[in-house]
Structures are given as C-alpha cells and as structure tokens.
Protein backbone atom coordinates (compact mmCIF):
# COMPACT_ATOMS: atom_id res chain seq x y z
CA MET A 1 -0.11 0.20 -0.08
CA MET A 2 1.30 3.59 -0.98
CA ASN A 3 1.50 6.22 1.83
CA ASP A 4 0.49 9.84 1.28
CA ALA A 5 3.84 11.10 0.75
CA VAL A 6 4.90 8.43 -2.08
CA PHE A 7 1.48 9.55 -3.66
CA TYR A 8 2.07 13.13 -3.93
CA ASP A 9 5.61 12.94 -4.77
CA THR A 10 4.82 10.74 -7.76
CA LEU A 11 1.90 13.13 -8.61
CA ARG A 12 4.21 16.22 -8.49
CA GLN A 13 6.79 14.19 -10.50
CA GLY A 14 4.32 13.56 -13.24
CA LEU A 15 2.92 17.18 -13.40
CA TRP A 16 6.45 18.44 -13.65
CA VAL A 17 7.01 15.94 -16.52
CA SER A 18 3.74 17.18 -18.44
CA VAL A 19 4.85 20.68 -18.00
CA MET A 20 8.44 19.72 -19.41
CA MET A 21 6.80 18.06 -22.44
CA SER A 22 4.45 20.73 -23.20
CA THR A 23 6.60 23.77 -22.71
CA PRO A 24 7.95 23.75 -26.17
CA ILE A 25 4.76 23.43 -28.11
CA LEU A 26 2.96 26.10 -25.78
CA ALA A 27 5.88 28.56 -26.28
CA VAL A 28 5.88 28.27 -30.10
CA ALA A 29 2.06 28.47 -29.88
CA LEU A 30 2.48 31.85 -27.92
CA VAL A 31 5.07 33.23 -30.26
CA ALA A 32 3.31 32.36 -33.38
CA GLY A 33 -0.09 33.62 -32.05
CA LEU A 34 1.73 37.15 -31.00
CA VAL A 35 3.29 37.14 -34.42
CA VAL A 36 0.29 36.66 -36.41
CA GLY A 37 -1.62 39.14 -34.16
CA LEU A 38 1.00 41.69 -34.86
CA PHE A 39 0.87 41.11 -38.34
CA GLN A 40 -3.16 41.28 -38.41
CA ALA A 41 -3.00 44.60 -36.25
CA LEU A 42 -0.33 46.33 -38.54
CA THR A 43 -2.28 45.40 -41.79
CA SER A 44 -5.86 45.21 -40.83
CA ILE A 45 -6.16 41.94 -42.43
CA GLN A 46 -8.79 39.99 -40.34
CA GLU A 47 -8.82 36.47 -41.94
CA MET A 48 -9.65 33.68 -39.60
CA THR A 49 -7.39 30.95 -41.51
CA LEU A 50 -4.35 33.51 -41.14
CA THR A 51 -4.55 32.98 -37.25
CA PHE A 52 -5.07 28.99 -37.46
CA VAL A 53 -2.58 27.96 -40.23
CA PRO A 54 0.73 29.32 -39.20
CA LYS A 55 -0.12 28.13 -35.53
CA LEU A 56 -1.01 24.85 -36.62
CA LEU A 57 2.07 24.36 -38.82
CA THR A 58 4.44 25.86 -36.21
CA ILE A 59 2.89 23.60 -33.47
CA VAL A 60 3.02 20.16 -35.75
CA GLY A 61 6.90 21.56 -36.57
CA VAL A 62 7.88 21.55 -33.10
CA PHE A 63 6.00 18.51 -32.06
CA TRP A 64 7.78 16.55 -34.86
CA MET A 65 11.14 17.90 -33.81
CA THR A 66 10.68 17.30 -30.03
CA MET A 67 9.01 14.13 -30.09
CA GLY A 68 12.30 12.28 -29.29
CA PHE A 69 12.53 14.52 -26.22
CA MET A 70 9.05 13.87 -25.13
CA THR A 71 9.21 10.22 -25.63
CA ASP A 72 12.31 9.84 -23.58
CA THR A 73 11.07 12.09 -20.85
CA LEU A 74 7.98 10.18 -20.60
CA ALA A 75 9.89 6.67 -20.71
CA ALA A 76 12.48 7.94 -18.10
CA TYR A 77 9.56 8.99 -15.70
CA PHE A 78 7.51 5.68 -16.36
CA ASP A 79 10.68 3.49 -15.78
CA GLY A 80 11.98 5.41 -13.01
CA THR A 81 8.83 5.89 -10.91
CA ILE A 82 5.96 4.31 -12.00
CA VAL A 83 7.33 0.75 -12.79
CA PRO A 84 9.26 0.60 -9.35
CA LEU A 85 6.05 1.49 -7.48
CA ILE A 86 4.33 -1.01 -9.29
CA ILE A 87 6.96 -3.92 -8.71
CA GLY A 88 7.28 -2.87 -5.15
CA GLY A 89 3.63 -2.50 -4.52
C-alpha cells in the first residue's frame, strides 16, 4: 500500500514531466499567435485562416522536432518512478 508522501511525490513528478513536455509546444504557439496578431493589427487583415494555419504548422513542426525528447522524458519517468512503484506494491 502506498503512503501519502509517495503518492504526492509521484503526482508532483508527473505534473513536472507534463510541464516539461508541453512547454516547447505552448511557447511556440504563444510566439506564433503574437506574431500573427501583430501582423493582423499592422495590416488590418482579419482572416480566420491566417490565425489558424501558421499556428497549426508551427505546432506540428515543433511537435515533430521534439517527439524524441518527449518520448525519452515520459519513458524515463515511467521506468524510473511508475514501474518501481508497481513492482514494489
């Protein structure tokens, strides 16, 4: 049976792993949104696809470039934290 300290530590580590994995995508989406918003404000072009397509392309590109990092991070968390808890429990 798992005690409260182990549970909360595992939960904290899992949340930190999710923050580390999502930060590159969220940062690029924020920058792309700011750039597109600035472009729309400067040119007075209010096209809906102009906001969606560049953000989608940048998010997909960053996801493709960081898939290895995300996979390694999640696998390390699983192998180092979750599996020992399952085996020991």
